[in-house]
Protein backbone atom coordinates (compact mmCIF):
# COMPACT_ATOMS: atom_id res chain seq x y z
CA MET A 1 253.53 152.80 270.83
CA ILE A 2 250.64 150.65 271.97
CA ASP A 3 248.22 152.78 270.11
CA ASN A 4 249.62 150.96 266.64
CA ILE A 5 248.76 147.60 268.50
CA GLN A 6 245.74 145.86 267.41
CA GLU A 7 243.42 144.98 270.43
CA LYS A 8 244.04 141.39 271.75
CA ARG A 9 241.29 141.13 273.96
CA VAL A 10 237.74 142.67 274.38
CA PHE A 11 235.34 141.96 276.92
CA GLN A 12 231.58 141.09 276.56
CA LEU A 13 229.85 142.78 279.16
CA GLN A 14 226.47 141.63 280.49
CA PRO A 15 223.68 143.64 278.48
CA MET A 16 222.20 145.20 281.51
CA LEU A 17 225.44 146.87 282.55
CA ARG A 18 226.43 147.49 278.98
CA LYS A 19 223.03 149.55 278.81
CA ARG A 20 223.55 151.55 282.12
CA PHE A 21 227.24 152.15 280.99
CA GLY A 22 225.99 153.42 277.70
CA LYS A 23 223.14 155.47 279.19
CA ALA A 24 225.72 157.45 281.55
CA LEU A 25 228.19 158.27 278.66
CA GLY A 26 225.04 159.29 276.67
CA ASP A 27 223.31 161.27 279.28
CA PHE A 28 226.13 163.56 280.12
CA SER A 29 228.25 163.25 276.65
CA MET A 30 231.14 161.96 278.52
CA ILE A 31 232.98 161.02 275.38
CA GLU A 32 233.92 163.17 272.24
CA GLU A 33 235.84 162.72 269.14
CA GLY A 34 239.42 162.54 269.60
CA ASP A 35 239.54 162.44 273.22
CA ARG A 36 242.47 161.06 275.10
CA ILE A 37 241.05 159.42 278.33
CA LEU A 38 243.08 158.39 281.18
CA VAL A 39 241.68 156.03 283.48
CA GLY A 40 242.62 156.33 287.38
CA LEU A 41 243.43 152.48 287.71
CA SER A 42 243.66 151.56 291.49
CA GLY A 43 243.29 147.96 290.94
CA GLY A 44 240.09 147.53 292.73
CA LYS A 45 237.12 145.93 290.89
CA ASP A 46 235.64 149.54 290.18
CA SER A 47 238.50 150.92 288.30
CA LEU A 48 239.49 147.58 286.33
CA PHE A 49 235.80 147.12 285.20
CA LEU A 50 235.66 151.00 284.10
CA LEU A 51 238.98 150.29 282.14
CA ALA A 52 237.60 146.97 280.65
CA ALA A 53 233.94 148.63 279.74
CA LEU A 54 235.89 151.72 278.06
CA ALA A 55 238.18 149.43 275.91
CA ALA A 56 235.12 147.37 274.88
CA PHE A 57 233.15 150.58 274.14
CA ARG A 58 236.07 151.95 272.09
CA LYS A 59 235.85 149.02 269.80
CA LYS A 60 232.22 149.70 268.66
CA SER A 61 231.98 153.39 269.23
CA PRO A 62 231.80 155.52 266.24
CA ARG A 63 233.83 158.22 267.94
CA ARG A 64 237.49 157.57 267.93
CA PHE A 65 239.31 158.17 271.18
CA GLU A 66 242.33 156.84 272.89
CA LEU A 67 242.79 154.96 276.27
CA GLY A 68 245.51 155.22 278.85
CA ALA A 69 245.64 154.09 282.33
CA CYS A 70 247.52 155.65 285.57
CA THR A 71 248.28 153.65 288.82
CA VAL A 72 249.30 155.62 292.12
CA ASP A 73 251.04 153.21 294.41
CA ILE A 74 250.41 154.56 297.63
CA SER A 75 252.46 152.13 299.54
CA GLY A 76 255.97 153.56 298.48
CA GLY A 77 256.53 150.70 296.12
CA GLU A 78 255.23 147.55 297.73
CA MET A 79 252.27 147.14 295.44
CA ALA A 80 252.18 144.31 292.70
CA THR A 81 251.53 146.73 289.63
CA ARG A 82 252.81 144.02 287.08
CA PRO A 83 249.35 142.27 286.82
CA LEU A 84 247.65 145.47 286.22
CA SER A 85 250.33 146.28 283.30
CA GLU A 86 249.97 143.02 281.98
CA PHE A 87 245.96 143.47 281.92
CA CYS A 88 246.47 146.88 280.39
CA ARG A 89 248.62 145.33 277.60
CA SER A 90 246.06 142.92 276.70
CA LEU A 91 243.34 145.69 276.07
CA ASN A 92 246.10 147.94 273.99
CA VAL A 93 246.11 150.35 276.75
CA GLU A 94 249.42 152.39 277.83
CA HIS A 95 249.97 152.25 281.60
CA PHE A 96 251.67 154.41 283.96
CA VAL A 97 252.64 153.77 287.32
CA THR A 98 253.46 156.40 290.02
CA ILE A 99 255.08 155.79 293.43
CA TYR A 100 253.82 158.05 296.44
CA PRO A 101 253.95 156.90 299.91
CA ILE A 102 250.55 158.19 300.65
CA SER A 103 249.89 155.40 303.50
CA GLU A 104 253.04 156.66 305.38
CA ILE A 105 252.04 160.26 305.09
CA ILE A 106 248.54 159.75 306.81
CA LYS A 107 250.45 158.10 309.42
CA LYS A 108 252.63 160.61 310.21
CA ARG A 109 250.09 163.26 309.95
CA GLU A 110 247.49 161.21 311.88
CA GLU A 111 244.95 162.10 309.64
CA LYS A 112 241.23 162.18 310.56
CA SER A 113 239.91 161.87 307.25
CA PRO A 114 242.20 159.28 305.70
CA CYS A 115 240.09 158.19 302.75
CA SER A 116 239.13 161.73 301.59
CA PHE A 117 243.07 162.91 301.97
CA CYS A 118 244.19 159.79 300.09
CA ALA A 119 241.58 160.12 297.11
CA ASN A 120 242.59 163.82 296.70
CA ILE A 121 246.39 163.12 296.73
CA ARG A 122 246.00 160.29 294.00
CA ARG A 123 243.60 162.42 291.94
CA GLY A 124 246.04 165.17 292.02
CA ILE A 125 248.75 162.77 291.07
CA ILE A 126 246.73 161.21 288.14
CA SER A 127 245.82 164.64 286.90
CA SER A 128 249.45 165.61 286.50
CA GLU A 129 250.03 162.69 284.62
CA ALA A 130 247.27 163.19 282.34
CA VAL A 131 248.27 166.65 281.42
CA LYS A 132 252.08 165.79 281.24
CA ARG A 133 251.18 162.98 278.89
CA GLY A 134 248.80 164.99 276.66
CA TYR A 135 245.29 163.39 277.96
CA ASN A 136 242.47 165.67 278.13
CA VAL A 137 239.79 163.36 280.11
CA LEU A 138 240.26 161.55 283.49
CA ALA A 139 237.90 158.85 283.96
CA LEU A 140 237.12 157.75 287.47
CA GLY A 141 235.40 154.59 288.80
CA HIS A 142 232.71 155.91 291.27
CA ASN A 143 229.59 153.98 291.06
CA LEU A 144 226.13 154.25 292.14
CA ASP A 145 226.78 153.36 295.92
CA ASP A 146 229.50 155.88 295.86
CA VAL A 147 226.87 158.58 294.62
CA ALA A 148 224.22 157.46 297.18
CA GLU A 149 226.84 157.51 300.10
CA THR A 150 228.25 160.93 299.08
CA VAL A 151 224.70 162.44 298.89
CA LEU A 152 223.94 161.19 302.61
CA MET A 153 227.31 162.26 303.87
CA ASN A 154 226.65 165.81 302.41
CA LEU A 155 223.09 165.80 303.65
CA PHE A 156 223.82 164.90 307.24
CA GLN A 157 227.35 166.51 307.60
CA THR A 158 226.78 169.89 305.59
CA GLY A 159 223.25 170.25 305.14
CA ARG A 160 223.40 170.21 301.61
CA PHE A 161 221.74 167.66 299.21
CA LYS A 162 224.49 167.11 296.63
CA SER A 163 226.99 164.85 295.25
CA PHE A 164 230.02 164.84 292.66
CA LYS A 165 229.24 165.66 289.16
CA PRO A 166 229.23 162.85 286.38
CA LYS A 167 231.26 165.08 284.19
CA PHE A 168 232.87 168.41 285.05
CA TRP A 169 235.63 170.79 283.86
CA GLN A 170 238.63 170.94 286.16
CA SER A 171 239.83 174.37 285.40
CA ARG A 172 242.92 173.92 287.34
CA THR A 173 244.37 171.35 285.16
CA GLY A 174 242.31 171.94 282.06
CA LEU A 175 241.01 168.42 282.19
CA TRP A 176 237.52 166.90 282.01
CA VAL A 177 236.64 164.59 284.56
CA ILE A 178 234.02 161.70 283.63
CA ARG A 179 232.35 158.93 285.96
CA PRO A 180 230.91 156.70 283.79
CA LEU A 181 229.94 153.83 286.54
CA ILE A 182 227.27 156.20 288.15
CA TYR A 183 224.41 154.15 287.18
CA ILE A 184 225.83 150.69 288.03
CA GLY A 185 225.65 149.08 291.82
CA GLU A 186 228.87 148.10 293.29
CA LYS A 187 227.56 144.61 293.78
CA ASP A 188 226.85 144.29 289.87
CA ILE A 189 230.15 145.35 289.10
CA MET A 190 231.82 142.91 291.88
CA LYS A 191 229.68 140.02 290.25
CA GLU A 192 230.87 141.05 286.59
CA ALA A 193 234.21 141.54 287.88
CA GLN A 194 234.42 137.94 289.05
CA ARG A 195 232.67 136.63 286.06
CA LEU A 196 235.23 138.24 283.76
CA HIS A 197 238.26 137.05 286.08
CA LEU A 198 239.43 140.80 286.13
CA PRO A 199 242.97 141.03 288.12
CA VAL A 200 241.46 142.74 291.38
CA THR A 201 244.17 143.54 293.75
CA GLU A 202 243.47 142.94 297.55
CA ASP A 203 242.67 146.10 299.23
CA LYS A 204 245.28 146.17 301.89
CA CYS A 205 244.47 149.95 302.97
CA PRO A 206 244.33 150.00 306.88
CA PHE A 207 242.23 153.06 306.81
CA SER A 208 239.00 151.84 305.02
CA LEU A 209 237.19 149.93 307.97
CA HIS A 210 236.29 152.78 310.12
CA THR A 211 235.49 155.62 308.42
CA GLN A 212 232.26 158.15 307.77
CA ARG A 213 231.67 156.80 304.44
CA SER A 214 231.97 153.08 305.81
CA ARG A 215 229.45 153.87 308.18
CA THR A 216 227.10 155.68 305.84
CA ARG A 217 227.61 152.30 303.59
CA THR A 218 225.86 150.13 306.33
CA LEU A 219 223.08 152.63 306.89
CA ILE A 220 222.16 152.41 303.29
CA GLU A 221 222.47 148.80 303.29
CA ASN A 222 220.03 148.54 306.16
CA LEU A 223 217.59 151.07 304.53
CA ALA A 224 217.86 149.23 301.42
CA ARG A 225 216.70 146.01 303.11
CA GLU A 226 213.00 147.70 303.22
CA ASN A 227 213.62 149.86 300.13
CA PRO A 228 215.91 148.18 297.24
CA SER A 229 215.05 151.27 295.12
CA ILE A 230 216.72 153.76 297.68
CA LYS A 231 219.81 154.44 295.60
CA LYS A 232 218.32 154.79 292.51
CA ASN A 233 215.67 157.11 293.95
CA ILE A 234 218.64 159.04 295.22
CA ILE A 235 220.05 159.42 291.80
CA HIS A 236 216.56 160.30 290.28
CA ALA A 237 216.56 163.32 293.16
CA LEU A 238 219.71 164.63 292.09
CA SER A 239 218.49 165.33 288.55
CA SER A 240 214.80 166.18 289.36
CA VAL A 241 214.85 168.88 292.05
CA ARG A 242 211.56 170.97 291.42
CA LEU A 243 211.98 174.66 292.73
CA SER A 244 208.47 174.42 294.20
CA ASP A 245 210.05 171.73 296.72
CA VAL A 246 212.64 174.15 297.81
CA TRP A 247 212.08 176.28 300.95
CA LYS A 248 212.75 180.12 299.99
CA ILE A 249 212.64 181.65 303.25
CA GLU A 250 213.52 185.18 302.10
CA GLN A 251 210.70 185.41 299.52
CA GLU A 252 208.05 183.86 301.89
CA SER A 253 209.18 186.43 304.65
CA GLN A 254 208.91 189.16 301.95
CA LYS A 255 205.46 188.33 301.22
CA LYS A 256 204.58 188.08 304.89
CA ASN A 257 205.94 191.61 305.44
CA GLU A 258 203.99 193.13 302.24
CA GLY A 259 200.66 191.40 303.69
């Protein structure tokens, strides 16, 4: 078992990123004593950085927890997963690979929301692997940019100001889901991944260029040129909504009728 092997590699993260990572873990009590955490490892910069950060935190944390990683090969077996397995081995992390032809399914279905469909399928597969292998926490690599994009997409498409939760209970599987990168921006992760020489795999997804999320990302980038704090402000708004700022139409109508 890898759990009995002494760690051979520990990454030293930039102090600023280590602080933001630790703040997310602390703000939402993401890790408890004895947790068994399975990281969804796609091979992209976010999931690789997440795994490296968790492995580094495990080394110094007063709370003992175990780490594993699961990769879903959406190509049906064409993905080069060996570099990911070697990376996990260097961190003393068990790595599991599940092959599932999601790309082919999307093409056959002519799926209108391929990114959302793929994410849901992959999360379902990883959740199943976590339950089967005795993990109780699923760690996902959504970052600050993902938060901001999700907020605006929900606002524009559904009329609701909301995003995914940093930590939530997935009752269907009996797993906690955590997102420790919510305070770290994509560009910072990209720079750190390059500095640490993480084995980032090339994104070969043919559906990622023209999606609602990509258009929203461009919008935020344009807005950020005039207001660099826009993403942090969105994060702040998610945790500081005042009841006095919310329209209460029913109550206002009732007062008017009573008057």
